[in-house]
Amino acid sequence: MPGVKVGEFFETHGTYRSSQISADENRMHFGIYRKLPNPTTELKKEYSEEEVAEFVEAFSDVMVMPNLSFPELYKNCEWTRLVNQQEGVLKHWYYNRVVLAGDSSVQMTAAMGMGLNNGIQSAVFLVNKLQELLSKNPTPDTATLERAFEEYQVSTTKPPRFISRCS
């Protein structure tokens, strides 16, 4: 697209929809996100041409970057694909001496750009909790570890639940 500089990144956010776009030397890459009206577990849905057209129409008023609307970008695409993205928080993050962190316990769409941030924050909390525990007892039993894991889960569950409701 004329006027696009390599390395520029643009992002928009609106009510239940957002866009992200960047360019490299050869092409532009973009993601357009919309919250589904109802949750689904259908990850490999094949969308019809009519459904894709409806999706594009829903973003007809969005400027993905200065002087470039989404419909203009879309009609100049080499290829596109409409897919569902998983999002959610597991109910239980630990078992005995095993604990989950990051995307294995919390999945977020890229719409809010918070998945990596949340993963880092929860990992830091977990490491600090384990360091505190191990400095007092270098060989904790499973019950002691599970109490630490439970505190980690309870303390780090609220932000991703809020973020996933907003995305």
Foldseek 3Di string as FASTA:
>chain_A
DPPADAPDWFKDDDFQKIKIWHDHPPGIDMDIGGDDPDDDPDWPDADDPVRVVVVQVVQQPAARDPPRGSVNVVVPDPDDGDTDDDFDADPDADDQQDGDAQCVGTDDDCNVVCRVVLRVVLVVQLVVLVVVVCVVPVDDGRVVNVVSRVCSCVVSVVVSVVVRVRD
